[in-house]
Amino acid sequence: AAPENSFGFLEAMEQGGFVAWFILGVM
């Protein structure tokens, strides 16, 4: 019954899409 955590690091990056992953890759 507990809600799943959808606000983790990977979830945030997936929501950011290509731009977020590209910036992360550059850094």
PDB file of all heavy atoms in Angstrom:
ATOM      1  N   ALA A   1       0.799  -1.217   0.000  1.00  0.00           N
ATOM      2  CA  ALA A   1       0.000   0.000   0.000  1.00  0.00           C
ATOM      3  C   ALA A   1       0.831   1.265   0.000  1.00  0.00           C
ATOM      4  O   ALA A   1       0.347   2.336  -0.346  1.00  0.00           O
ATOM      5  CB  ALA A   1      -0.930   0.013   1.222  1.00  0.00           C
ATOM      6  N   ALA A   2       2.138   1.172   0.403  1.00  0.00           N
ATOM      7  CA  ALA A   2       2.992   2.355   0.467  1.00  0.00           C
ATOM      8  C   ALA A   2       3.256   2.885  -0.935  1.00  0.00           C
ATOM      9  O   ALA A   2       3.516   2.122  -1.863  1.00  0.00           O
ATOM     10  CB  ALA A   2       4.308   2.016   1.157  1.00  0.00           C
ATOM     11  N   PRO A   3       3.235   4.170  -1.129  1.00  0.00           N
ATOM     12  CA  PRO A   3       3.481   4.745  -2.461  1.00  0.00           C
ATOM     13  C   PRO A   3       4.951   4.616  -2.860  1.00  0.00           C
ATOM     14  O   PRO A   3       5.836   4.683  -2.026  1.00  0.00           O
ATOM     15  CB  PRO A   3       3.080   6.218  -2.284  1.00  0.00           C
ATOM     16  CG  PRO A   3       3.264   6.480  -0.827  1.00  0.00           C
ATOM     17  CD  PRO A   3       2.927   5.203  -0.132  1.00  0.00           C
ATOM     18  N   GLU A   4       5.177   4.377  -4.131  1.00  0.00           N
ATOM     19  CA  GLU A   4       6.536   4.266  -4.643  1.00  0.00           C
ATOM     20  C   GLU A   4       7.170   5.650  -4.719  1.00  0.00           C
ATOM     21  O   GLU A   4       6.506   6.635  -5.029  1.00  0.00           O
ATOM     22  CB  GLU A   4       6.532   3.618  -6.022  1.00  0.00           C
ATOM     23  CG  GLU A   4       6.031   2.174  -6.007  1.00  0.00           C
ATOM     24  CD  GLU A   4       6.090   1.559  -7.388  1.00  0.00           C
ATOM     25  OE1 GLU A   4       6.483   2.293  -8.339  1.00  0.00           O
ATOM     26  OE2 GLU A   4       5.734   0.386  -7.530  1.00  0.00           O
ATOM     27  N   ASN A   5       8.483   5.683  -4.454  1.00  0.00           N
ATOM     28  CA  ASN A   5       9.221   6.945  -4.515  1.00  0.00           C
ATOM     29  C   ASN A   5       9.553   7.275  -5.967  1.00  0.00           C
ATOM     30  O   ASN A   5      10.356   6.587  -6.601  1.00  0.00           O
ATOM     31  CB  ASN A   5      10.507   6.837  -3.687  1.00  0.00           C
ATOM     32  CG  ASN A   5      11.283   8.146  -3.683  1.00  0.00           C
ATOM     33  OD1 ASN A   5      10.761   9.184  -4.056  1.00  0.00           O
ATOM     34  ND2 ASN A   5      12.524   8.088  -3.237  1.00  0.00           N
ATOM     35  N   SER A   6       8.925   8.275  -6.477  1.00  0.00           N
ATOM     36  CA  SER A   6       9.143   8.667  -7.878  1.00  0.00           C
ATOM     37  C   SER A   6       9.935   9.957  -7.995  1.00  0.00           C
ATOM     38  O   SER A   6       9.890  10.627  -9.019  1.00  0.00           O
ATOM     39  CB  SER A   6       7.784   8.847  -8.576  1.00  0.00           C
ATOM     40  OG  SER A   6       7.014   9.832  -7.915  1.00  0.00           O
ATOM     41  N   PHE A   7      10.646  10.322  -6.923  1.00  0.00           N
ATOM     42  CA  PHE A   7      11.382  11.576  -6.925  1.00  0.00           C
ATOM     43  C   PHE A   7      12.866  11.350  -6.671  1.00  0.00           C
ATOM     44  O   PHE A   7      13.538  12.203  -6.099  1.00  0.00           O
ATOM     45  CB  PHE A   7      10.807  12.532  -5.867  1.00  0.00           C
ATOM     46  CG  PHE A   7       9.349  12.810  -6.040  1.00  0.00           C
ATOM     47  CD1 PHE A   7       8.428  12.338  -5.125  1.00  0.00           C
ATOM     48  CD2 PHE A   7       8.894  13.519  -7.138  1.00  0.00           C
ATOM     49  CE1 PHE A   7       7.083  12.587  -5.284  1.00  0.00           C
ATOM     50  CE2 PHE A   7       7.545  13.758  -7.304  1.00  0.00           C
ATOM     51  CZ  PHE A   7       6.634  13.292  -6.381  1.00  0.00           C
ATOM     52  N   GLY A   8      13.400  10.197  -7.063  1.00  0.00           N
ATOM     53  CA  GLY A   8      14.820   9.923  -6.892  1.00  0.00           C
ATOM     54  C   GLY A   8      15.655  10.568  -7.969  1.00  0.00           C
ATOM     55  O   GLY A   8      15.157  11.271  -8.868  1.00  0.00           O
ATOM     56  N   PHE A   9      16.969  10.301  -7.896  1.00  0.00           N
ATOM     57  CA  PHE A   9      17.895  10.914  -8.855  1.00  0.00           C
ATOM     58  C   PHE A   9      17.607  10.436 -10.278  1.00  0.00           C
ATOM     59  O   PHE A   9      17.510  11.247 -11.203  1.00  0.00           O
ATOM     60  CB  PHE A   9      19.337  10.575  -8.450  1.00  0.00           C
ATOM     61  CG  PHE A   9      20.368  11.011  -9.455  1.00  0.00           C
ATOM     62  CD1 PHE A   9      20.728  12.340  -9.563  1.00  0.00           C
ATOM     63  CD2 PHE A   9      20.958  10.089 -10.312  1.00  0.00           C
ATOM     64  CE1 PHE A   9      21.666  12.752 -10.501  1.00  0.00           C
ATOM     65  CE2 PHE A   9      21.896  10.490 -11.248  1.00  0.00           C
ATOM     66  CZ  PHE A   9      22.254  11.826 -11.338  1.00  0.00           C
ATOM     67  N   LEU A  10      17.497   9.116 -10.449  1.00  0.00           N
ATOM     68  CA  LEU A  10      17.268   8.583 -11.791  1.00  0.00           C
ATOM     69  C   LEU A  10      15.923   9.041 -12.345  1.00  0.00           C
ATOM     70  O   LEU A  10      15.808   9.337 -13.548  1.00  0.00           O
ATOM     71  CB  LEU A  10      17.335   7.060 -11.752  1.00  0.00           C
ATOM     72  CG  LEU A  10      18.710   6.449 -11.427  1.00  0.00           C
ATOM     73  CD1 LEU A  10      18.625   4.934 -11.388  1.00  0.00           C
ATOM     74  CD2 LEU A  10      19.748   6.894 -12.460  1.00  0.00           C
ATOM     75  N   GLU A  11      14.917   9.090 -11.469  1.00  0.00           N
ATOM     76  CA  GLU A  11      13.606   9.548 -11.931  1.00  0.00           C
ATOM     77  C   GLU A  11      13.660  11.001 -12.386  1.00  0.00           C
ATOM     78  O   GLU A  11      13.070  11.384 -13.406  1.00  0.00           O
ATOM     79  CB  GLU A  11      12.576   9.393 -10.807  1.00  0.00           C
ATOM     80  CG  GLU A  11      12.165   7.968 -10.513  1.00  0.00           C
ATOM     81  CD  GLU A  11      13.227   7.194  -9.741  1.00  0.00           C
ATOM     82  OE1 GLU A  11      14.190   7.859  -9.298  1.00  0.00           O
ATOM     83  OE2 GLU A  11      13.101   5.971  -9.581  1.00  0.00           O
ATOM     84  N   ALA A  12      14.398  11.832 -11.613  1.00  0.00           N
ATOM     85  CA  ALA A  12      14.517  13.243 -11.995  1.00  0.00           C
ATOM     86  C   ALA A  12      15.261  13.389 -13.319  1.00  0.00           C
ATOM     87  O   ALA A  12      14.894  14.214 -14.163  1.00  0.00           O
ATOM     88  CB  ALA A  12      15.226  14.026 -10.893  1.00  0.00           C
ATOM     89  N   MET A  13      16.301  12.572 -13.516  1.00  0.00           N
ATOM     90  CA  MET A  13      17.051  12.647 -14.767  1.00  0.00           C
ATOM     91  C   MET A  13      16.213  12.156 -15.947  1.00  0.00           C
ATOM     92  O   MET A  13      16.300  12.700 -17.052  1.00  0.00           O
ATOM     93  CB  MET A  13      18.337  11.825 -14.652  1.00  0.00           C
ATOM     94  CG  MET A  13      19.335  12.351 -13.620  1.00  0.00           C
ATOM     95  SD  MET A  13      19.841  14.061 -13.924  1.00  0.00           S
ATOM     96  CE  MET A  13      20.610  13.904 -15.522  1.00  0.00           C
ATOM     97  N   GLU A  14      15.409  11.131 -15.712  1.00  0.00           N
ATOM     98  CA  GLU A  14      14.554  10.633 -16.784  1.00  0.00           C
ATOM     99  C   GLU A  14      13.518  11.670 -17.181  1.00  0.00           C
ATOM    100  O   GLU A  14      13.176  11.820 -18.363  1.00  0.00           O
ATOM    101  CB  GLU A  14      13.879   9.345 -16.337  1.00  0.00           C
ATOM    102  CG  GLU A  14      14.842   8.162 -16.251  1.00  0.00           C
ATOM    103  CD  GLU A  14      14.159   6.910 -15.728  1.00  0.00           C
ATOM    104  OE1 GLU A  14      12.947   6.998 -15.393  1.00  0.00           O
ATOM    105  OE2 GLU A  14      14.820   5.865 -15.638  1.00  0.00           O
ATOM    106  N   GLN A  15      13.015  12.395 -16.201  1.00  0.00           N
ATOM    107  CA  GLN A  15      12.061  13.459 -16.525  1.00  0.00           C
ATOM    108  C   GLN A  15      12.739  14.592 -17.295  1.00  0.00           C
ATOM    109  O   GLN A  15      12.120  15.243 -18.124  1.00  0.00           O
ATOM    110  CB  GLN A  15      11.430  14.000 -15.235  1.00  0.00           C
ATOM    111  CG  GLN A  15      10.510  13.016 -14.533  1.00  0.00           C
ATOM    112  CD  GLN A  15       9.878  13.612 -13.299  1.00  0.00           C
ATOM    113  OE1 GLN A  15       9.901  14.826 -13.089  1.00  0.00           O
ATOM    114  NE2 GLN A  15       9.303  12.755 -12.461  1.00  0.00           N
ATOM    115  N   GLY A  16      14.026  14.816 -16.998  1.00  0.00           N
ATOM    116  CA  GLY A  16      14.744  15.872 -17.703  1.00  0.00           C
ATOM    117  C   GLY A  16      15.013  15.550 -19.151  1.00  0.00           C
ATOM    118  O   GLY A  16      15.206  16.451 -19.976  1.00  0.00           O
ATOM    119  N   GLY A  17      15.068  14.256 -19.481  1.00  0.00           N
ATOM    120  CA  GLY A  17      15.248  13.846 -20.862  1.00  0.00           C
ATOM    121  C   GLY A  17      16.676  14.017 -21.359  1.00  0.00           C
ATOM    122  O   GLY A  17      17.653  13.998 -20.595  1.00  0.00           O
ATOM    123  N   PHE A  18      16.791  14.209 -22.655  1.00  0.00           N
ATOM    124  CA  PHE A  18      18.103  14.260 -23.310  1.00  0.00           C
ATOM    125  C   PHE A  18      18.955  15.411 -22.789  1.00  0.00           C
ATOM    126  O   PHE A  18      20.162  15.258 -22.585  1.00  0.00           O
ATOM    127  CB  PHE A  18      17.914  14.386 -24.824  1.00  0.00           C
ATOM    128  CG  PHE A  18      19.196  14.650 -25.564  1.00  0.00           C
ATOM    129  CD1 PHE A  18      20.106  13.627 -25.804  1.00  0.00           C
ATOM    130  CD2 PHE A  18      19.518  15.937 -26.006  1.00  0.00           C
ATOM    131  CE1 PHE A  18      21.293  13.868 -26.477  1.00  0.00           C
ATOM    132  CE2 PHE A  18      20.702  16.183 -26.674  1.00  0.00           C
ATOM    133  CZ  PHE A  18      21.594  15.144 -26.916  1.00  0.00           C
ATOM    134  N   VAL A  19      18.360  16.561 -22.564  1.00  0.00           N
ATOM    135  CA  VAL A  19      19.123  17.734 -22.123  1.00  0.00           C
ATOM    136  C   VAL A  19      19.766  17.477 -20.766  1.00  0.00           C
ATOM    137  O   VAL A  19      20.944  17.786 -20.544  1.00  0.00           O
ATOM    138  CB  VAL A  19      18.215  18.977 -22.073  1.00  0.00           C
ATOM    139  CG1 VAL A  19      18.992  20.173 -21.522  1.00  0.00           C
ATOM    140  CG2 VAL A  19      17.671  19.292 -23.451  1.00  0.00           C
ATOM    141  N   ALA A  20      19.002  16.897 -19.836  1.00  0.00           N
ATOM    142  CA  ALA A  20      19.546  16.628 -18.503  1.00  0.00           C
ATOM    143  C   ALA A  20      20.692  15.626 -18.570  1.00  0.00           C
ATOM    144  O   ALA A  20      21.733  15.815 -17.937  1.00  0.00           O
ATOM    145  CB  ALA A  20      18.433  16.108 -17.588  1.00  0.00           C
ATOM    146  N   TRP A  21      20.529  14.555 -19.335  1.00  0.00           N
ATOM    147  CA  TRP A  21      21.597  13.557 -19.448  1.00  0.00           C
ATOM    148  C   TRP A  21      22.814  14.127 -20.160  1.00  0.00           C
ATOM    149  O   TRP A  21      23.957  13.792 -19.827  1.00  0.00           O
ATOM    150  CB  TRP A  21      21.089  12.325 -20.187  1.00  0.00           C
ATOM    151  CG  TRP A  21      20.178  11.474 -19.368  1.00  0.00           C
ATOM    152  CD1 TRP A  21      18.823  11.322 -19.518  1.00  0.00           C
ATOM    153  CD2 TRP A  21      20.548  10.659 -18.252  1.00  0.00           C
ATOM    154  NE1 TRP A  21      18.322  10.466 -18.575  1.00  0.00           N
ATOM    155  CE2 TRP A  21      19.354  10.029 -17.785  1.00  0.00           C
ATOM    156  CE3 TRP A  21      21.742  10.389 -17.606  1.00  0.00           C
ATOM    157  CZ2 TRP A  21      19.349   9.163 -16.697  1.00  0.00           C
ATOM    158  CZ3 TRP A  21      21.736   9.522 -16.531  1.00  0.00           C
ATOM    159  CH2 TRP A  21      20.555   8.919 -16.077  1.00  0.00           C
ATOM    160  N   PHE A  22      22.588  15.003 -21.134  1.00  0.00           N
ATOM    161  CA  PHE A  22      23.710  15.611 -21.850  1.00  0.00           C
ATOM    162  C   PHE A  22      24.524  16.504 -20.925  1.00  0.00           C
ATOM    163  O   PHE A  22      25.759  16.456 -20.909  1.00  0.00           O
ATOM    164  CB  PHE A  22      23.204  16.412 -23.041  1.00  0.00           C
ATOM    165  CG  PHE A  22      24.277  17.144 -23.798  1.00  0.00           C
ATOM    166  CD1 PHE A  22      25.118  16.464 -24.662  1.00  0.00           C
ATOM    167  CD2 PHE A  22      24.469  18.513 -23.623  1.00  0.00           C
ATOM    168  CE1 PHE A  22      26.117  17.121 -25.351  1.00  0.00           C
ATOM    169  CE2 PHE A  22      25.475  19.176 -24.306  1.00  0.00           C
ATOM    170  CZ  PHE A  22      26.303  18.478 -25.176  1.00  0.00           C
ATOM    171  N   ILE A  23      23.856  17.326 -20.131  1.00  0.00           N
ATOM    172  CA  ILE A  23      24.563  18.199 -19.189  1.00  0.00           C
ATOM    173  C   ILE A  23      25.305  17.377 -18.149  1.00  0.00           C
ATOM    174  O   ILE A  23      26.447  17.681 -17.789  1.00  0.00           O
ATOM    175  CB  ILE A  23      23.568  19.171 -18.522  1.00  0.00           C
ATOM    176  CG1 ILE A  23      22.996  20.134 -19.571  1.00  0.00           C
ATOM    177  CG2 ILE A  23      24.255  19.960 -17.406  1.00  0.00           C
ATOM    178  CD1 ILE A  23      21.925  21.062 -19.034  1.00  0.00           C
ATOM    179  N   LEU A  24      24.670  16.311 -17.657  1.00  0.00           N
ATOM    180  CA  LEU A  24      25.338  15.437 -16.702  1.00  0.00           C
ATOM    181  C   LEU A  24      26.578  14.800 -17.318  1.00  0.00           C
ATOM    182  O   LEU A  24      27.629  14.705 -16.672  1.00  0.00           O
ATOM    183  CB  LEU A  24      24.371  14.359 -16.219  1.00  0.00           C
ATOM    184  CG  LEU A  24      24.946  13.338 -15.231  1.00  0.00           C
ATOM    185  CD1 LEU A  24      25.377  14.034 -13.947  1.00  0.00           C
ATOM    186  CD2 LEU A  24      23.926  12.237 -14.946  1.00  0.00           C
ATOM    187  N   GLY A  25      26.470  14.365 -18.568  1.00  0.00           N
ATOM    188  CA  GLY A  25      27.618  13.770 -19.249  1.00  0.00           C
ATOM    189  C   GLY A  25      28.770  14.756 -19.415  1.00  0.00           C
ATOM    190  O   GLY A  25      29.943  14.397 -19.249  1.00  0.00           O
ATOM    191  N   VAL A  26      28.448  16.008 -19.730  1.00  0.00           N
ATOM    192  CA  VAL A  26      29.483  17.037 -19.871  1.00  0.00           C
ATOM    193  C   VAL A  26      30.217  17.249 -18.550  1.00  0.00           C
ATOM    194  O   VAL A  26      31.455  17.342 -18.499  1.00  0.00           O
ATOM    195  CB  VAL A  26      28.859  18.361 -20.372  1.00  0.00           C
ATOM    196  CG1 VAL A  26      29.867  19.503 -20.283  1.00  0.00           C
ATOM    197  CG2 VAL A  26      28.376  18.204 -21.806  1.00  0.00           C
ATOM    198  N   MET A  27      29.481  17.285 -17.457  1.00  0.00           N
ATOM    199  CA  MET A  27      30.112  17.512 -16.157  1.00  0.00           C
ATOM    200  C   MET A  27      30.912  16.288 -15.695  1.00  0.00           C
ATOM    201  O   MET A  27      31.926  16.431 -15.014  1.00  0.00           O
ATOM    202  CB  MET A  27      29.051  17.899 -15.130  1.00  0.00           C
ATOM    203  CG  MET A  27      28.522  19.315 -15.348  1.00  0.00           C
ATOM    204  SD  MET A  27      27.528  19.964 -13.992  1.00  0.00           S
ATOM    205  CE  MET A  27      26.046  18.967 -14.188  1.00  0.00           C
TER     206      MET A  27
END
